[in-house]
Amino acid sequence: MDDRTNTIAGWVLAGCGAALGLSIVGGMIFHGERPEKMGYVIEGVEEEGAGGAAAEVPIASLLGSADAAKGAEVFKKCAACHTVNQGGANGVGPNLYATMGEALAAGKGGFAFSDALKKVGGTWDWEKMNAWLTSPRKFAPGTKMTFAGLSNPQDRANVILYLNQQGSNLPLPAAPAAGASPAEGGAAPGGDGAAPGAANAVDAVESDVRGATGDIANTGTPASGAPSVDPNAAREAAGRGN
């Protein structure tokens, strides 16, 4: 290999090293993150903290239409760590037979639950199981559970129904009552569709007119402070009233 080839190879290596160095430095200076405030609205993307919790569907409203067979399919994601049959052995996670309604982090053949889950306390009711399946790490920070959670509310409802059928059989919670629908046609209750304020205003005007027509019929002139009214029109109105 002659000196020219060595020189070319050296320049190529130097160029590659320079490019790599610039790439590293550029990555340190310029890094892509979601901005704190979006410059424009991206459809389907919701800002953090913008009512995400409020939009969550209550689990009780989903259990009535849940499908245990579909829940069994979703549970296959859990089968690597959990058994669910009666008398099943504990594995990486505890056996889950008859879990609904049981105390958290207790029993299960002496399974070694994390202190984080023990601190939560209570029993595995519908809401707790839903919260756990949504995000185990948020439900019990420090838990040994490595599963990220199920983001789909209907998947969670299906799995919870399936788990409930495996030795627990708790009665399903009542679904939240639907909000009262507005009156048909938008009419105000107890009225003929007119707003109360408008009805009062109409009554006041009619009262003034009746008072004025009565004075004109008796004296021919409006009472002091009464609105000016065409005498002929007032007589006609008074005649119609009779």
Protein backbone atom coordinates (compact mmCIF):
# COMPACT_ATOMS: atom_id res chain seq x y z
CA MET A 1 0.00 0.00 0.00
CA ASP A 2 1.56 3.29 -1.09
CA ASP A 3 1.62 6.59 0.80
CA ARG A 4 -1.29 7.98 -1.25
CA THR A 5 -3.58 5.16 -0.18
CA ASN A 6 -2.56 5.62 3.46
CA THR A 7 -3.28 9.34 3.20
CA ILE A 8 -6.74 8.77 1.72
CA ALA A 9 -7.57 6.19 4.37
CA GLY A 10 -6.40 8.58 7.09
CA TRP A 11 -8.59 11.39 5.78
CA VAL A 12 -11.58 9.06 5.58
CA LEU A 13 -11.09 7.94 9.17
CA ALA A 14 -10.62 11.52 10.29
CA GLY A 15 -13.80 12.56 8.49
CA CYS A 16 -15.76 9.75 10.10
CA GLY A 17 -14.45 10.69 13.52
CA ALA A 18 -15.35 14.35 12.97
CA ALA A 19 -18.86 13.42 11.81
CA LEU A 20 -19.38 11.20 14.85
CA GLY A 21 -18.15 13.92 17.17
CA LEU A 22 -20.39 16.54 15.59
CA SER A 23 -23.36 14.17 15.84
CA ILE A 24 -22.74 13.64 19.58
CA VAL A 25 -22.29 17.36 20.25
CA GLY A 26 -25.36 18.20 18.21
CA GLY A 27 -27.42 15.68 20.14
CA MET A 28 -26.31 17.27 23.40
CA ILE A 29 -27.23 20.77 22.23
CA PHE A 30 -30.35 20.04 20.22
CA HIS A 31 -32.71 17.41 21.63
CA GLY A 32 -36.29 16.77 20.69
CA GLU A 33 -38.91 17.00 23.40
CA ARG A 34 -42.59 17.81 23.44
CA PRO A 35 -42.89 21.56 24.19
CA GLU A 36 -44.60 22.64 27.40
CA LYS A 37 -47.21 24.48 25.34
CA MET A 38 -48.16 23.33 21.88
CA GLY A 39 -47.71 25.93 19.14
CA TYR A 40 -50.84 24.66 17.43
CA VAL A 41 -53.43 22.04 18.20
CA ILE A 42 -52.71 18.53 16.97
CA GLU A 43 -55.95 16.62 16.62
CA GLY A 44 -56.07 13.58 18.88
CA VAL A 45 -53.26 14.78 21.19
CA GLU A 46 -54.32 15.99 24.62
CA GLU A 47 -52.13 18.16 26.83
CA GLU A 48 -51.01 16.59 30.08
CA GLY A 49 -53.32 17.35 32.96
CA ALA A 50 -56.10 18.55 30.65
CA GLY A 51 -58.89 16.56 32.22
CA GLY A 52 -57.63 13.12 31.30
CA ALA A 53 -58.90 11.64 34.55
CA ALA A 54 -62.30 13.22 34.09
CA ALA A 55 -62.61 11.59 30.69
CA GLU A 56 -62.03 8.12 32.07
CA VAL A 57 -65.11 5.90 31.84
CA PRO A 58 -66.21 4.49 35.25
CA ILE A 59 -65.46 0.78 35.37
CA ALA A 60 -68.96 0.07 36.74
CA SER A 61 -70.49 1.36 33.51
CA LEU A 62 -68.38 -1.09 31.45
CA LEU A 63 -68.78 -4.28 33.46
CA GLY A 64 -72.39 -4.77 32.39
CA SER A 65 -71.34 -5.13 28.76
CA ALA A 66 -68.02 -6.86 29.49
CA ASP A 67 -67.18 -10.22 27.88
CA ALA A 68 -65.44 -12.80 30.07
CA ALA A 69 -64.35 -14.80 27.01
CA LYS A 70 -62.53 -11.76 25.67
CA GLY A 71 -61.12 -11.24 29.14
CA ALA A 72 -59.66 -14.75 29.03
CA GLU A 73 -57.90 -13.81 25.79
CA VAL A 74 -56.47 -10.64 27.33
CA PHE A 75 -55.40 -12.62 30.41
CA LYS A 76 -52.99 -14.58 28.23
CA LYS A 77 -50.69 -11.56 28.59
CA CYS A 78 -50.62 -12.32 32.32
CA ALA A 79 -50.23 -16.09 32.06
CA ALA A 80 -46.43 -15.89 31.90
CA CYS A 81 -46.41 -14.84 35.58
CA HIS A 82 -49.79 -15.88 36.99
CA THR A 83 -51.95 -18.97 37.22
CA VAL A 84 -55.69 -18.56 37.78
CA ASN A 85 -56.94 -22.11 38.38
CA GLN A 86 -58.00 -23.30 41.82
CA GLY A 87 -55.00 -24.63 43.71
CA GLY A 88 -52.63 -23.34 41.05
CA ALA A 89 -49.02 -22.74 42.01
CA ASN A 90 -47.51 -19.32 42.51
CA GLY A 91 -44.99 -18.29 39.92
CA VAL A 92 -43.30 -14.96 39.32
CA GLY A 93 -46.66 -13.59 40.51
CA PRO A 94 -49.26 -15.13 42.82
CA ASN A 95 -52.03 -17.48 41.79
CA LEU A 96 -55.10 -15.33 41.10
CA TYR A 97 -57.93 -17.74 41.86
CA ALA A 98 -60.67 -16.07 43.99
CA THR A 99 -58.75 -12.80 44.10
CA MET A 100 -61.70 -10.41 43.73
CA GLY A 101 -62.90 -9.47 47.22
CA GLU A 102 -59.73 -10.69 48.96
CA ALA A 103 -57.39 -8.52 50.99
CA LEU A 104 -54.54 -6.91 49.09
CA ALA A 105 -51.11 -8.49 49.44
CA ALA A 106 -52.28 -11.29 51.75
CA GLY A 107 -52.68 -15.04 51.59
CA LYS A 108 -51.94 -16.68 48.25
CA GLY A 109 -49.95 -19.48 49.81
CA GLY A 110 -47.50 -17.14 51.49
CA PHE A 111 -46.49 -15.33 48.31
CA ALA A 112 -43.90 -12.61 49.03
CA PHE A 113 -45.80 -9.43 48.19
CA SER A 114 -43.97 -6.13 48.01
CA ASP A 115 -44.18 -3.67 50.89
CA ALA A 116 -45.51 -1.11 48.40
CA LEU A 117 -48.61 -3.20 47.74
CA LYS A 118 -49.05 -4.03 51.43
CA LYS A 119 -49.19 -0.30 52.22
CA VAL A 120 -52.20 0.21 49.94
CA GLY A 121 -54.45 -1.94 52.11
CA GLY A 122 -58.12 -2.71 51.64
CA THR A 123 -59.59 -5.39 49.42
CA TRP A 124 -59.56 -6.05 45.71
CA ASP A 125 -62.80 -4.31 44.81
CA TRP A 126 -63.76 -3.20 41.30
CA GLU A 127 -62.16 0.23 41.49
CA LYS A 128 -58.90 -0.98 43.00
CA MET A 129 -58.53 -3.76 40.45
CA ASN A 130 -59.25 -1.31 37.65
CA ALA A 131 -56.65 1.13 38.97
CA TRP A 132 -54.12 -1.69 39.40
CA LEU A 133 -54.60 -2.96 35.86
CA THR A 134 -54.41 0.59 34.49
CA SER A 135 -50.94 1.15 35.95
CA PRO A 136 -49.52 -1.06 38.71
CA ARG A 137 -46.64 1.36 39.31
CA LYS A 138 -48.99 4.30 39.86
CA PHE A 139 -51.33 2.26 42.04
CA ALA A 140 -48.50 1.02 44.27
CA PRO A 141 -45.26 2.95 43.65
CA GLY A 142 -42.36 0.59 44.25
CA THR A 143 -44.28 -2.58 43.37
CA LYS A 144 -42.37 -5.56 42.01
CA MET A 145 -44.96 -5.89 39.24
CA THR A 146 -43.22 -5.07 35.95
CA PHE A 147 -46.32 -5.15 33.73
CA ALA A 148 -47.00 -1.67 32.31
CA GLY A 149 -50.79 -2.01 32.46
CA LEU A 150 -53.80 -2.11 30.13
CA SER A 151 -54.64 1.22 28.56
CA ASN A 152 -57.97 0.11 27.05
CA PRO A 153 -60.81 0.44 29.62
CA GLN A 154 -62.92 -2.26 27.93
CA ASP A 155 -60.00 -4.71 28.04
CA ARG A 156 -59.71 -4.07 31.77
CA ALA A 157 -63.45 -4.59 32.26
CA ASN A 158 -63.26 -7.89 30.34
CA VAL A 159 -60.30 -9.13 32.40
CA ILE A 160 -61.90 -8.09 35.71
CA LEU A 161 -65.11 -9.91 34.79
CA TYR A 162 -63.07 -12.99 33.86
CA LEU A 163 -61.13 -12.86 37.13
CA ASN A 164 -64.36 -12.47 39.09
CA GLN A 165 -65.67 -15.68 37.53
CA GLN A 166 -62.58 -17.56 38.71
CA GLY A 167 -63.73 -18.41 42.25
CA SER A 168 -65.00 -15.00 43.42
CA ASN A 169 -68.37 -14.42 41.74
CA LEU A 170 -69.04 -11.07 43.42
CA PRO A 171 -72.25 -9.29 42.33
CA LEU A 172 -71.52 -6.67 39.69
CA PRO A 173 -71.73 -3.04 40.81
CA ALA A 174 -74.65 -0.93 39.67
CA ALA A 175 -73.91 1.19 36.64
CA PRO A 176 -73.88 4.98 37.26
CA ALA A 177 -77.26 6.62 36.67
CA ALA A 178 -77.51 8.45 33.37
CA GLY A 179 -77.94 12.24 33.58
CA ALA A 180 -81.44 13.64 33.16
CA SER A 181 -82.16 14.61 29.57
CA PRO A 182 -83.33 18.15 28.81
CA ALA A 183 -87.07 18.79 28.27
CA GLU A 184 -88.29 17.91 24.81
CA GLY A 185 -87.99 20.79 22.40
CA GLY A 186 -85.92 22.81 24.85
CA ALA A 187 -88.99 24.20 26.63
CA ALA A 188 -88.55 25.30 30.22
CA PRO A 189 -90.27 23.09 32.82
CA GLY A 190 -93.77 24.23 33.69
CA GLY A 191 -94.06 26.61 30.74
CA ASP A 192 -95.06 26.72 27.09
CA GLY A 193 -91.54 27.08 25.78
CA ALA A 194 -91.03 30.76 26.62
CA ALA A 195 -88.32 31.74 29.03
CA PRO A 196 -89.58 32.88 32.47
CA GLY A 197 -88.04 36.33 32.06
CA ALA A 198 -89.71 36.87 28.72
CA ALA A 199 -93.08 35.75 30.08
CA ASN A 200 -92.84 38.21 32.96
CA ALA A 201 -92.00 41.05 30.59
CA VAL A 202 -94.99 40.23 28.40
CA ASP A 203 -97.29 40.13 31.44
CA ALA A 204 -96.03 43.55 32.57
CA VAL A 205 -96.66 45.14 29.17
CA GLU A 206 -100.12 43.62 28.94
CA SER A 207 -100.91 44.94 32.43
CA ASP A 208 -99.86 48.48 31.41
CA VAL A 209 -101.96 48.32 28.28
CA ARG A 210 -105.01 47.05 30.19
CA GLY A 211 -104.64 49.88 32.71
CA ALA A 212 -104.29 52.46 29.97
CA THR A 213 -107.31 51.21 28.01
CA GLY A 214 -109.43 51.20 31.15
CA ASP A 215 -108.56 54.88 31.86
CA ILE A 216 -109.22 55.89 28.27
CA ALA A 217 -112.53 54.08 28.23
CA ASN A 218 -113.61 55.97 31.37
CA THR A 219 -112.03 59.43 30.91
CA GLY A 220 -110.71 59.53 27.38
CA THR A 221 -107.15 60.33 28.54
CA PRO A 222 -104.33 58.12 29.74
CA ALA A 223 -103.56 58.05 33.45
CA SER A 224 -100.48 59.91 34.69
CA GLY A 225 -97.36 57.90 33.87
CA ALA A 226 -99.28 55.47 31.67
CA PRO A 227 -97.86 54.78 28.19
CA SER A 228 -99.36 56.72 25.30
CA VAL A 229 -101.98 54.59 23.61
CA ASP A 230 -104.10 55.23 20.49
CA PRO A 231 -107.64 55.82 21.92
CA ASN A 232 -109.33 54.01 19.03
CA ALA A 233 -107.02 51.02 19.42
CA ALA A 234 -107.59 51.04 23.18
CA ARG A 235 -111.38 51.09 22.76
CA GLU A 236 -111.15 48.26 20.27
CA ALA A 237 -109.01 46.32 22.74
CA ALA A 238 -111.42 47.06 25.58
CA GLY A 239 -114.33 45.94 23.36
CA ARG A 240 -112.62 42.71 22.54
CA GLY A 241 -111.97 42.15 26.23
CA ASN A 242 -115.69 42.39 26.90
